[in-house]
Structure formats: C-alpha cells, structure tokens
C-alpha cells in the first residue's frame, strides 16, 4: 500500500512511500501516523532513516529508490523529489548490536537503557522498547531477574546468532530459486528462468554478504571466517625498482636478435605508391597553386 508522508506540516515537500498495511491502522481501525527517526547505521555508522511502527516494537529501514529527472504529481502539486521510499523490516538487534559491542569495553553488565545511549542520535531511546520483545540472550550474557536484567556482549553468541540469520537467508534464496551472481559482495541478482539449482556454496556467500551489510566490519570478518569463506585478495605488486635486479654481470646474448627487426627504407628507395597516389600523379597540375600559398603573407 502506498501513501504520502508529509514530514512537516509547514513544509510542502512530501515523500511517497510503500507502507505495510499494519502500520497505517490500529486494532480499533483508527489511523495513526508512524514515526520516522534517524539512527546510526550499524555498518557505516552514518545517519540513516528508520520508521518505528505504530506499536512501538516494529522497526523498518527506509530505502530510497530515486531515478534521475523524476518527480511526483500529488493532488494539485508537483513534488520535485521523485524518489520512492521503500520500507523493509529490520531485526532491532542489528541496531542494538553496535551499542552492545561498545559497552563491552568496560567488561561490566549494564541495563538496556544504559547501553543504548547516543548524544548525536537521541531518538535511539526508542530502541529500548523495541528490545522488549527481542531475546537479548542471543547476543549477550544476561544477569538479574525477569523484571530487572543487565547484559554484557558475548561475541561467540553474536556470531552464532548471525550464522542463524545467514541460514535463514539461504533457505529463502533456495525457496525463491534466486540466481545469485558475483559472490558475497554482489548486490545484484536475477530470478533463474529455468529454475536451475545453484550450488549451496554460492548461496552461503551471498547470504553472508547480505547479513554483513548490517554489522560492523570486524564482526563481518569473523562471520566470513566462521563459514570458511576465503576472500580473494589481489597480491600487491612490488615496485618495479624492487622487481628488476640490475647486475653488471649480465650474460651476453648468444643469438643476433637484430635480424628480426624490419629494416627501414633508405632515403634513396621510394615506398610503393597506392592506386590513389598514382592517379594523382597523372593529373595536369598546370595553373594550380599549392594550398600552403593561401596561408602565406600577402604580396605587396
């Protein structure tokens, strides 16, 4: 379902987005407007747009698909921003994981509201409620009672949780018969028209690549290593000065290689004329001026 989202009532600029139907109505049928927030992207650490569902637990990543020279006709207005916002659901643990890893530096157990704290992105406190329905023990050690719990990052558990995510992606790729094309780093895929079975190794590489787009680089490396995926690294070439060993004791050539060189025609010998050049020689040139004469100084 598509809808128009006006980020500011005083601003005529609008967005066009595809929304899940469940986020546009409540159980009572009353319309509620979901909340857009800015958070750190778990991989790039840069600002990214997210949407918190009307229940406060679901969260979506907002991805913009923008074509060049595009706009929207909305009512009686033309919106210059012709991008289409697409919402994709995200597991809140992906967004909490960077904060959990950061808090692990002191080695102490901390409550979720202490872990999720960011002065640059104050709206991150909405993740606290999102985590109420998440199983934090999948990525951390827990301590305390059900009413009051503290957490500490556990890398082994985190890798195991991410591995399960990779397996889920593998299953979906297999079910949908998706043909993956360039390994783990590829972002393009096409549906196989013949339904060819893709090797499991290629599915694993692609799934690891997708999951790695939402985690820290260091953690992505551990996930890649966990699945035994070897990244192809181009060997560094040494500078030419190091590769070439100069020596005065170079062996003399045993064959005269100069005989393979083509001899240049001597000044006395004329090269063969083409057919066009022979025809030009037969033309009567009396009364004709050279083209260079037109560019000389005028005679007084």
C-alpha atoms as a PDB file:
ATOM      1  CA  UNK A   1       0.000   0.000   0.000  1.00  0.00           C
ATOM      2  CA  UNK A   2       1.312   3.444  -0.862  1.00  0.00           C
ATOM      3  CA  UNK A   3       0.734   6.681   0.967  1.00  0.00           C
ATOM      4  CA  UNK A   4       2.022  10.234   1.102  1.00  0.00           C
ATOM      5  CA  UNK A   5       4.069  11.229   4.102  1.00  0.00           C
ATOM      6  CA  UNK A   6       4.477  14.874   4.974  1.00  0.00           C
ATOM      7  CA  UNK A   7       7.473  15.211   7.303  1.00  0.00           C
ATOM      8  CA  UNK A   8       6.498  18.783   8.288  1.00  0.00           C
ATOM      9  CA  UNK A   9       3.086  20.411   8.146  1.00  0.00           C
ATOM     10  CA  UNK A  10       4.615  23.780   7.321  1.00  0.00           C
ATOM     11  CA  UNK A  11       6.689  22.253   4.544  1.00  0.00           C
ATOM     12  CA  UNK A  12       5.016  21.420   1.241  1.00  0.00           C
ATOM     13  CA  UNK A  13       7.714  18.862   0.490  1.00  0.00           C
ATOM     14  CA  UNK A  14       6.334  15.330   0.684  1.00  0.00           C
ATOM     15  CA  UNK A  15       7.554  11.760   0.377  1.00  0.00           C
ATOM     16  CA  UNK A  16       5.933   8.890  -1.439  1.00  0.00           C
ATOM     17  CA  UNK A  17       6.391   5.539   0.234  1.00  0.00           C
ATOM     18  CA  UNK A  18       5.149   1.964   0.304  1.00  0.00           C
ATOM     19  CA  UNK A  19       3.824   1.165   3.776  1.00  0.00           C
ATOM     20  CA  UNK A  20       2.836  -2.157   5.317  1.00  0.00           C
ATOM     21  CA  UNK A  21      -0.897  -2.028   5.888  1.00  0.00           C
ATOM     22  CA  UNK A  22      -0.479  -2.943   9.549  1.00  0.00           C
ATOM     23  CA  UNK A  23       1.356   0.336  10.176  1.00  0.00           C
ATOM     24  CA  UNK A  24      -1.470   2.512   8.863  1.00  0.00           C
ATOM     25  CA  UNK A  25      -4.227   1.269  11.158  1.00  0.00           C
ATOM     26  CA  UNK A  26      -4.524   0.036  14.732  1.00  0.00           C
ATOM     27  CA  UNK A  27      -6.599  -2.869  16.002  1.00  0.00           C
ATOM     28  CA  UNK A  28      -9.511  -0.485  16.516  1.00  0.00           C
ATOM     29  CA  UNK A  29      -9.247   0.736  12.922  1.00  0.00           C
ATOM     30  CA  UNK A  30      -8.030   4.183  13.900  1.00  0.00           C
ATOM     31  CA  UNK A  31      -5.382   5.725  11.655  1.00  0.00           C
ATOM     32  CA  UNK A  32      -2.075   6.535  13.275  1.00  0.00           C
ATOM     33  CA  UNK A  33       0.952   8.107  11.713  1.00  0.00           C
ATOM     34  CA  UNK A  34       4.148   6.078  12.189  1.00  0.00           C
ATOM     35  CA  UNK A  35       7.226   7.869  13.473  1.00  0.00           C
ATOM     36  CA  UNK A  36      10.320   8.475  11.346  1.00  0.00           C
ATOM     37  CA  UNK A  37      13.580   8.605  13.278  1.00  0.00           C
ATOM     38  CA  UNK A  38      17.278   8.984  12.477  1.00  0.00           C
ATOM     39  CA  UNK A  39      19.715   6.393  13.801  1.00  0.00           C
ATOM     40  CA  UNK A  40      23.265   5.263  13.218  1.00  0.00           C
ATOM     41  CA  UNK A  41      23.574   2.661  10.517  1.00  0.00           C
ATOM     42  CA  UNK A  42      25.029  -0.467  12.171  1.00  0.00           C
ATOM     43  CA  UNK A  43      27.664  -0.912   9.462  1.00  0.00           C
ATOM     44  CA  UNK A  44      28.585   2.537   8.168  1.00  0.00           C
ATOM     45  CA  UNK A  45      27.989   4.404  11.462  1.00  0.00           C
ATOM     46  CA  UNK A  46      26.411   7.170   9.352  1.00  0.00           C
ATOM     47  CA  UNK A  47      22.959   8.684   9.661  1.00  0.00           C
ATOM     48  CA  UNK A  48      20.135   6.542   8.273  1.00  0.00           C
ATOM     49  CA  UNK A  49      16.359   6.896   8.270  1.00  0.00           C
ATOM     50  CA  UNK A  50      14.132   4.371  10.034  1.00  0.00           C
ATOM     51  CA  UNK A  51      10.461   4.078  10.837  1.00  0.00           C
ATOM     52  CA  UNK A  52       9.073   2.864  14.162  1.00  0.00           C
ATOM     53  CA  UNK A  53       5.774   1.031  13.783  1.00  0.00           C
ATOM     54  CA  UNK A  54       2.584   2.164  15.475  1.00  0.00           C
ATOM     55  CA  UNK A  55       3.014  -0.497  18.175  1.00  0.00           C
ATOM     56  CA  UNK A  56       6.462   0.817  19.108  1.00  0.00           C
ATOM     57  CA  UNK A  57       8.094  -2.597  18.667  1.00  0.00           C
ATOM     58  CA  UNK A  58       8.463  -2.995  14.925  1.00  0.00           C
ATOM     59  CA  UNK A  59      11.134  -1.025  13.103  1.00  0.00           C
ATOM     60  CA  UNK A  60      11.808  -0.572   9.386  1.00  0.00           C
ATOM     61  CA  UNK A  61      14.725   0.710   7.359  1.00  0.00           C
ATOM     62  CA  UNK A  62      13.751   3.412   4.855  1.00  0.00           C
ATOM     63  CA  UNK A  63      15.412   2.853   1.489  1.00  0.00           C
ATOM     64  CA  UNK A  64      15.072   5.448  -1.261  1.00  0.00           C
ATOM     65  CA  UNK A  65      14.821   4.437  -4.904  1.00  0.00           C
ATOM     66  CA  UNK A  66      15.478   7.577  -6.950  1.00  0.00           C
ATOM     67  CA  UNK A  67      15.529   7.956 -10.713  1.00  0.00           C
ATOM     68  CA  UNK A  68      17.151  10.874 -12.493  1.00  0.00           C
ATOM     69  CA  UNK A  69      14.832  13.700 -13.577  1.00  0.00           C
ATOM     70  CA  UNK A  70      11.797  12.329 -11.752  1.00  0.00           C
ATOM     71  CA  UNK A  71       9.003  13.967  -9.760  1.00  0.00           C
ATOM     72  CA  UNK A  72       5.573  13.183  -8.287  1.00  0.00           C
ATOM     73  CA  UNK A  73       2.178  14.691  -9.054  1.00  0.00           C
ATOM     74  CA  UNK A  74       0.384  14.799  -5.686  1.00  0.00           C
ATOM     75  CA  UNK A  75      -3.032  16.415  -5.761  1.00  0.00           C
ATOM     76  CA  UNK A  76      -2.594  19.811  -7.376  1.00  0.00           C
ATOM     77  CA  UNK A  77       1.132  19.999  -6.637  1.00  0.00           C
ATOM     78  CA  UNK A  78       4.327  18.740  -8.234  1.00  0.00           C
ATOM     79  CA  UNK A  79       6.938  17.393  -5.826  1.00  0.00           C
ATOM     80  CA  UNK A  80      10.473  17.707  -7.171  1.00  0.00           C
ATOM     81  CA  UNK A  81      11.674  14.803  -5.041  1.00  0.00           C
ATOM     82  CA  UNK A  82      10.709  11.891  -7.278  1.00  0.00           C
ATOM     83  CA  UNK A  83      12.211   9.207  -5.061  1.00  0.00           C
ATOM     84  CA  UNK A  84      10.186   6.246  -3.841  1.00  0.00           C
ATOM     85  CA  UNK A  85      10.676   5.302  -0.197  1.00  0.00           C
ATOM     86  CA  UNK A  86      10.579   1.554   0.440  1.00  0.00           C
ATOM     87  CA  UNK A  87      10.277   0.190   3.976  1.00  0.00           C
ATOM     88  CA  UNK A  88      11.964  -3.089   4.864  1.00  0.00           C
ATOM     89  CA  UNK A  89      11.622  -4.689   8.331  1.00  0.00           C
ATOM     90  CA  UNK A  90      14.794  -4.909  10.399  1.00  0.00           C
ATOM     91  CA  UNK A  91      15.542  -7.026  13.459  1.00  0.00           C
ATOM     92  CA  UNK A  92      16.140  -4.446  16.244  1.00  0.00           C
ATOM     93  CA  UNK A  93      19.103  -6.494  17.483  1.00  0.00           C
ATOM     94  CA  UNK A  94      21.069  -5.384  14.414  1.00  0.00           C
ATOM     95  CA  UNK A  95      20.683  -1.761  15.537  1.00  0.00           C
ATOM     96  CA  UNK A  96      21.413  -2.535  19.196  1.00  0.00           C
ATOM     97  CA  UNK A  97      24.487  -4.678  18.489  1.00  0.00           C
ATOM     98  CA  UNK A  98      26.914  -1.733  17.877  1.00  0.00           C
ATOM     99  CA  UNK A  99      25.946  -0.167  21.226  1.00  0.00           C
ATOM    100  CA  UNK A 100      26.263  -3.529  22.949  1.00  0.00           C
ATOM    101  CA  UNK A 101      29.746  -4.069  21.474  1.00  0.00           C
ATOM    102  CA  UNK A 102      30.812  -0.581  22.540  1.00  0.00           C
ATOM    103  CA  UNK A 103      29.635  -1.133  26.116  1.00  0.00           C
ATOM    104  CA  UNK A 104      31.683  -4.344  26.329  1.00  0.00           C
ATOM    105  CA  UNK A 105      34.913  -2.358  26.609  1.00  0.00           C
ATOM    106  CA  UNK A 106      34.480  -1.997  30.381  1.00  0.00           C
ATOM    107  CA  UNK A 107      33.509  -5.664  30.804  1.00  0.00           C
ATOM    108  CA  UNK A 108      30.559  -4.794  33.058  1.00  0.00           C
ATOM    109  CA  UNK A 109      26.908  -5.804  32.935  1.00  0.00           C
ATOM    110  CA  UNK A 110      24.650  -2.873  32.028  1.00  0.00           C
ATOM    111  CA  UNK A 111      20.914  -2.323  31.657  1.00  0.00           C
ATOM    112  CA  UNK A 112      19.499  -1.824  28.166  1.00  0.00           C
ATOM    113  CA  UNK A 113      18.794   1.884  28.730  1.00  0.00           C
ATOM    114  CA  UNK A 114      22.426   2.361  29.813  1.00  0.00           C
ATOM    115  CA  UNK A 115      23.704   0.503  26.756  1.00  0.00           C
ATOM    116  CA  UNK A 116      21.582   2.380  24.212  1.00  0.00           C
ATOM    117  CA  UNK A 117      22.745   5.941  24.720  1.00  0.00           C
ATOM    118  CA  UNK A 118      23.809   8.339  21.980  1.00  0.00           C
ATOM    119  CA  UNK A 119      24.001  12.120  22.278  1.00  0.00           C
ATOM    120  CA  UNK A 120      24.162  12.544  18.495  1.00  0.00           C
ATOM    121  CA  UNK A 121      21.044  10.433  17.944  1.00  0.00           C
ATOM    122  CA  UNK A 122      18.738  10.955  20.956  1.00  0.00           C
ATOM    123  CA  UNK A 123      15.899   9.099  19.214  1.00  0.00           C
ATOM    124  CA  UNK A 124      17.830   5.873  19.712  1.00  0.00           C
ATOM    125  CA  UNK A 125      15.997   5.556  23.052  1.00  0.00           C
ATOM    126  CA  UNK A 126      13.066   4.181  21.044  1.00  0.00           C
ATOM    127  CA  UNK A 127      15.154   1.039  20.547  1.00  0.00           C
ATOM    128  CA  UNK A 128      14.747   0.297  24.253  1.00  0.00           C
ATOM    129  CA  UNK A 129      11.077  -0.535  23.741  1.00  0.00           C
ATOM    130  CA  UNK A 130      11.842  -2.403  20.517  1.00  0.00           C
ATOM    131  CA  UNK A 131      14.138  -4.692  22.505  1.00  0.00           C
ATOM    132  CA  UNK A 132      11.391  -5.655  24.964  1.00  0.00           C
ATOM    133  CA  UNK A 133      10.233  -8.337  22.531  1.00  0.00           C
ATOM    134  CA  UNK A 134      13.767  -9.333  21.498  1.00  0.00           C
ATOM    135  CA  UNK A 135      15.773 -12.121  23.058  1.00  0.00           C
ATOM    136  CA  UNK A 136      18.890 -10.272  24.155  1.00  0.00           C
ATOM    137  CA  UNK A 137      20.422 -13.507  25.422  1.00  0.00           C
ATOM    138  CA  UNK A 138      21.102 -14.448  21.777  1.00  0.00           C
ATOM    139  CA  UNK A 139      23.930 -11.892  21.597  1.00  0.00           C
ATOM    140  CA  UNK A 140      24.833 -11.295  25.234  1.00  0.00           C
ATOM    141  CA  UNK A 141      25.228 -12.754  28.685  1.00  0.00           C
ATOM    142  CA  UNK A 142      22.350 -11.847  30.970  1.00  0.00           C
ATOM    143  CA  UNK A 143      22.206 -11.272  34.686  1.00  0.00           C
ATOM    144  CA  UNK A 144      19.364 -10.494  37.078  1.00  0.00           C
ATOM    145  CA  UNK A 145      15.666 -11.288  37.369  1.00  0.00           C
ATOM    146  CA  UNK A 146      12.944 -11.114  34.735  1.00  0.00           C
ATOM    147  CA  UNK A 147      11.928  -7.646  35.903  1.00  0.00           C
ATOM    148  CA  UNK A 148      15.434  -6.246  36.046  1.00  0.00           C
ATOM    149  CA  UNK A 149      18.122  -7.590  33.730  1.00  0.00           C
ATOM    150  CA  UNK A 150      21.630  -6.483  32.792  1.00  0.00           C
ATOM    151  CA  UNK A 151      23.547  -7.512  29.689  1.00  0.00           C
ATOM    152  CA  UNK A 152      27.136  -7.952  28.540  1.00  0.00           C
ATOM    153  CA  UNK A 153      28.177  -8.545  24.946  1.00  0.00           C
ATOM    154  CA  UNK A 154      29.147 -12.114  24.053  1.00  0.00           C
ATOM    155  CA  UNK A 155      30.947 -12.408  20.715  1.00  0.00           C
ATOM    156  CA  UNK A 156      30.524 -16.172  20.457  1.00  0.00           C
ATOM    157  CA  UNK A 157      26.762 -15.876  20.871  1.00  0.00           C
ATOM    158  CA  UNK A 158      26.622 -12.976  18.418  1.00  0.00           C
ATOM    159  CA  UNK A 159      28.393 -14.977  15.696  1.00  0.00           C
ATOM    160  CA  UNK A 160      26.064 -17.926  16.328  1.00  0.00           C
ATOM    161  CA  UNK A 161      23.021 -15.623  16.045  1.00  0.00           C
ATOM    162  CA  UNK A 162      24.329 -14.115  12.811  1.00  0.00           C
ATOM    163  CA  UNK A 163      25.021 -17.616  11.467  1.00  0.00           C
ATOM    164  CA  UNK A 164      21.380 -18.492  12.043  1.00  0.00           C
ATOM    165  CA  UNK A 165      20.407 -15.364  10.085  1.00  0.00           C
ATOM    166  CA  UNK A 166      22.631 -16.495   7.215  1.00  0.00           C
ATOM    167  CA  UNK A 167      20.931 -19.900   7.201  1.00  0.00           C
ATOM    168  CA  UNK A 168      17.511 -18.228   7.051  1.00  0.00           C
ATOM    169  CA  UNK A 169      18.585 -16.201   4.022  1.00  0.00           C
ATOM    170  CA  UNK A 170      19.940 -19.356   2.366  1.00  0.00           C
ATOM    171  CA  UNK A 171      16.592 -21.094   2.791  1.00  0.00           C
ATOM    172  CA  UNK A 172      14.704 -18.146   1.265  1.00  0.00           C
ATOM    173  CA  UNK A 173      17.071 -17.978  -1.694  1.00  0.00           C
ATOM    174  CA  UNK A 174      16.541 -21.671  -2.298  1.00  0.00           C
ATOM    175  CA  UNK A 175      12.753 -21.437  -1.948  1.00  0.00           C
ATOM    176  CA  UNK A 176      12.503 -18.493  -4.355  1.00  0.00           C
ATOM    177  CA  UNK A 177      15.000 -20.030  -6.805  1.00  0.00           C
ATOM    178  CA  UNK A 178      17.047 -16.841  -6.825  1.00  0.00           C
ATOM    179  CA  UNK A 179      20.117 -16.951  -9.035  1.00  0.00           C
ATOM    180  CA  UNK A 180      22.988 -15.138  -7.332  1.00  0.00           C
ATOM    181  CA  UNK A 181      25.818 -13.774  -9.448  1.00  0.00           C
ATOM    182  CA  UNK A 182      29.110 -12.474  -8.063  1.00  0.00           C
ATOM    183  CA  UNK A 183      29.662 -13.986  -4.653  1.00  0.00           C
ATOM    184  CA  UNK A 184      29.271 -12.439  -1.228  1.00  0.00           C
ATOM    185  CA  UNK A 185      29.823  -8.813  -2.196  1.00  0.00           C
ATOM    186  CA  UNK A 186      27.338  -8.773  -5.072  1.00  0.00           C
ATOM    187  CA  UNK A 187      24.234  -6.648  -4.744  1.00  0.00           C
ATOM    188  CA  UNK A 188      22.560  -7.833  -7.956  1.00  0.00           C
ATOM    189  CA  UNK A 189      20.545 -10.944  -8.553  1.00  0.00           C
ATOM    190  CA  UNK A 190      18.017 -12.223 -11.085  1.00  0.00           C
ATOM    191  CA  UNK A 191      15.413 -14.926 -10.905  1.00  0.00           C
ATOM    192  CA  UNK A 192      16.517 -18.031 -12.723  1.00  0.00           C
ATOM    193  CA  UNK A 193      14.123 -18.574 -15.656  1.00  0.00           C
ATOM    194  CA  UNK A 194      14.917 -22.278 -15.863  1.00  0.00           C
ATOM    195  CA  UNK A 195      14.914 -22.853 -12.125  1.00  0.00           C
ATOM    196  CA  UNK A 196      18.497 -24.091 -12.140  1.00  0.00           C
ATOM    197  CA  UNK A 197      19.795 -25.342  -8.819  1.00  0.00           C
ATOM    198  CA  UNK A 198      22.515 -23.052  -7.514  1.00  0.00           C
ATOM    199  CA  UNK A 199      25.360 -24.521  -5.532  1.00  0.00           C
ATOM    200  CA  UNK A 200      24.950 -24.187  -1.788  1.00  0.00           C
ATOM    201  CA  UNK A 201      28.334 -22.504  -1.502  1.00  0.00           C
ATOM    202  CA  UNK A 202      27.179 -19.610  -3.700  1.00  0.00           C
ATOM    203  CA  UNK A 203      24.023 -19.213  -1.599  1.00  0.00           C
ATOM    204  CA  UNK A 204      26.155 -19.112   1.546  1.00  0.00           C
ATOM    205  CA  UNK A 205      28.481 -16.455   0.129  1.00  0.00           C
ATOM    206  CA  UNK A 206      25.586 -14.288  -0.960  1.00  0.00           C
ATOM    207  CA  UNK A 207      23.733 -14.706   2.350  1.00  0.00           C
ATOM    208  CA  UNK A 208      26.851 -13.791   4.326  1.00  0.00           C
ATOM    209  CA  UNK A 209      27.192 -10.690   2.155  1.00  0.00           C
ATOM    210  CA  UNK A 210      23.606  -9.608   2.842  1.00  0.00           C
ATOM    211  CA  UNK A 211      23.892 -10.090   6.597  1.00  0.00           C
ATOM    212  CA  UNK A 212      27.284  -8.343   6.630  1.00  0.00           C
ATOM    213  CA  UNK A 213      25.612  -5.198   5.260  1.00  0.00           C
ATOM    214  CA  UNK A 214      24.103  -4.677   8.736  1.00  0.00           C
ATOM    215  CA  UNK A 215      27.047  -5.390  11.038  1.00  0.00           C
ATOM    216  CA  UNK A 216      30.419  -3.931  11.908  1.00  0.00           C
ATOM    217  CA  UNK A 217      33.295  -4.771   9.559  1.00  0.00           C
ATOM    218  CA  UNK A 218      35.279  -6.575  12.262  1.00  0.00           C
ATOM    219  CA  UNK A 219      32.260  -8.731  13.107  1.00  0.00           C
ATOM    220  CA  UNK A 220      31.635  -9.373   9.403  1.00  0.00           C
ATOM    221  CA  UNK A 221      35.170 -10.718   9.081  1.00  0.00           C
ATOM    222  CA  UNK A 222      34.535 -13.157  11.936  1.00  0.00           C
ATOM    223  CA  UNK A 223      31.274 -14.251  10.300  1.00  0.00           C
ATOM    224  CA  UNK A 224      33.054 -14.813   6.995  1.00  0.00           C
ATOM    225  CA  UNK A 225      35.731 -16.840   8.736  1.00  0.00           C
ATOM    226  CA  UNK A 226      33.068 -18.864  10.557  1.00  0.00           C
ATOM    227  CA  UNK A 227      31.692 -20.079   7.233  1.00  0.00           C
ATOM    228  CA  UNK A 228      35.156 -20.693   5.823  1.00  0.00           C
ATOM    229  CA  UNK A 229      34.745 -18.174   3.021  1.00  0.00           C
ATOM    230  CA  UNK A 230      38.039 -17.010   1.628  1.00  0.00           C
ATOM    231  CA  UNK A 231      38.044 -13.522   0.183  1.00  0.00           C
ATOM    232  CA  UNK A 232      40.076 -13.185  -2.964  1.00  0.00           C
ATOM    233  CA  UNK A 233      42.847 -10.700  -2.279  1.00  0.00           C
ATOM    234  CA  UNK A 234      44.868  -9.339  -5.186  1.00  0.00           C
ATOM    235  CA  UNK A 235      48.568  -9.731  -4.334  1.00  0.00           C
ATOM    236  CA  UNK A 236      50.401  -6.457  -4.007  1.00  0.00           C
ATOM    237  CA  UNK A 237      52.941  -5.945  -6.756  1.00  0.00           C
ATOM    238  CA  UNK A 238      56.321  -4.703  -5.663  1.00  0.00           C
ATOM    239  CA  UNK A 239      57.667  -1.513  -7.225  1.00  0.00           C
ATOM    240  CA  UNK A 240      59.493  -2.022 -10.478  1.00  0.00           C
ATOM    241  CA  UNK A 241      62.746  -0.965  -8.847  1.00  0.00           C
ATOM    242  CA  UNK A 242      62.491  -3.929  -6.471  1.00  0.00           C
ATOM    243  CA  UNK A 243      61.309  -6.490  -9.011  1.00  0.00           C
ATOM    244  CA  UNK A 244      64.112  -5.820 -11.517  1.00  0.00           C
ATOM    245  CA  UNK A 245      67.538  -6.838 -10.305  1.00  0.00           C
ATOM    246  CA  UNK A 246      70.245  -4.873 -12.039  1.00  0.00           C
ATOM    247  CA  UNK A 247      73.614  -6.565 -12.423  1.00  0.00           C
ATOM    248  CA  UNK A 248      76.812  -5.769 -14.250  1.00  0.00           C
ATOM    249  CA  UNK A 249      77.447  -9.450 -14.882  1.00  0.00           C
ATOM    250  CA  UNK A 250      74.553  -9.908 -17.298  1.00  0.00           C
ATOM    251  CA  UNK A 251      75.111 -12.838 -19.685  1.00  0.00           C
ATOM    252  CA  UNK A 252      75.812 -11.899 -23.285  1.00  0.00           C
ATOM    253  CA  UNK A 253      73.240 -12.747 -25.915  1.00  0.00           C
ATOM    254  CA  UNK A 254      74.121 -15.897 -27.844  1.00  0.00           C
ATOM    255  CA  UNK A 255      71.944 -15.015 -30.844  1.00  0.00           C
ATOM    256  CA  UNK A 256      71.738 -11.951 -33.053  1.00  0.00           C
ATOM    257  CA  UNK A 257      68.189 -10.782 -32.410  1.00  0.00           C
ATOM    258  CA  UNK A 258      68.646  -7.691 -34.609  1.00  0.00           C
ATOM    259  CA  UNK A 259      67.984  -9.800 -37.687  1.00  0.00           C
ATOM    260  CA  UNK A 260      64.308  -9.933 -36.724  1.00  0.00           C
ATOM    261  CA  UNK A 261      63.965  -6.151 -36.889  1.00  0.00           C
ATOM    262  CA  UNK A 262      62.411  -4.737 -40.046  1.00  0.00           C
ATOM    263  CA  UNK A 263      64.806  -2.579 -41.980  1.00  0.00           C
ATOM    264  CA  UNK A 264      63.664   0.979 -42.552  1.00  0.00           C
ATOM    265  CA  UNK A 265      63.617   2.015 -46.214  1.00  0.00           C
ATOM    266  CA  UNK A 266      66.666   4.102 -47.125  1.00  0.00           C
ATOM    267  CA  UNK A 267      66.303   7.650 -48.419  1.00  0.00           C
ATOM    268  CA  UNK A 268      67.180   6.537 -51.929  1.00  0.00           C
ATOM    269  CA  UNK A 269      64.431   3.940 -52.041  1.00  0.00           C
ATOM    270  CA  UNK A 270      60.886   5.119 -52.543  1.00  0.00           C
ATOM    271  CA  UNK A 271      57.995   3.350 -50.942  1.00  0.00           C
ATOM    272  CA  UNK A 272      55.364   1.827 -53.181  1.00  0.00           C
ATOM    273  CA  UNK A 273      52.599   4.216 -54.195  1.00  0.00           C
ATOM    274  CA  UNK A 274      48.949   3.377 -53.713  1.00  0.00           C
ATOM    275  CA  UNK A 275      46.488   3.410 -56.600  1.00  0.00           C
ATOM    276  CA  UNK A 276      45.075   6.778 -55.490  1.00  0.00           C
ATOM    277  CA  UNK A 277      48.557   8.311 -55.350  1.00  0.00           C
ATOM    278  CA  UNK A 278      49.348   7.044 -58.882  1.00  0.00           C
ATOM    279  CA  UNK A 279      46.125   8.626 -60.203  1.00  0.00           C
ATOM    280  CA  UNK A 280      47.018  11.964 -58.620  1.00  0.00           C
ATOM    281  CA  UNK A 281      50.382  11.969 -60.344  1.00  0.00           C
ATOM    282  CA  UNK A 282      48.645  11.770 -63.758  1.00  0.00           C
ATOM    283  CA  UNK A 283      46.535  14.906 -63.078  1.00  0.00           C
ATOM    284  CA  UNK A 284      47.557  18.067 -65.028  1.00  0.00           C
ATOM    285  CA  UNK A 285      48.768  20.463 -62.314  1.00  0.00           C
ATOM    286  CA  UNK A 286      49.475  23.479 -64.568  1.00  0.00           C
ATOM    287  CA  UNK A 287      47.998  26.692 -63.152  1.00  0.00           C
ATOM    288  CA  UNK A 288      47.354  25.089 -59.784  1.00  0.00           C
ATOM    289  CA  UNK A 289      48.630  26.665 -56.609  1.00  0.00           C
ATOM    290  CA  UNK A 290      49.796  24.843 -53.562  1.00  0.00           C
ATOM    291  CA  UNK A 291      47.327  25.015 -50.663  1.00  0.00           C
ATOM    292  CA  UNK A 292      50.095  26.418 -48.467  1.00  0.00           C
ATOM    293  CA  UNK A 293      50.241  29.520 -50.672  1.00  0.00           C
ATOM    294  CA  UNK A 294      46.875  30.657 -49.376  1.00  0.00           C
ATOM    295  CA  UNK A 295      48.258  30.891 -45.845  1.00  0.00           C
ATOM    296  CA  UNK A 296      51.362  32.962 -46.623  1.00  0.00           C
ATOM    297  CA  UNK A 297      51.831  36.707 -46.208  1.00  0.00           C
ATOM    298  CA  UNK A 298      50.006  38.766 -48.876  1.00  0.00           C
ATOM    299  CA  UNK A 299      52.326  40.159 -51.544  1.00  0.00           C
ATOM    300  CA  UNK A 300      52.551  43.951 -51.655  1.00  0.00           C
END
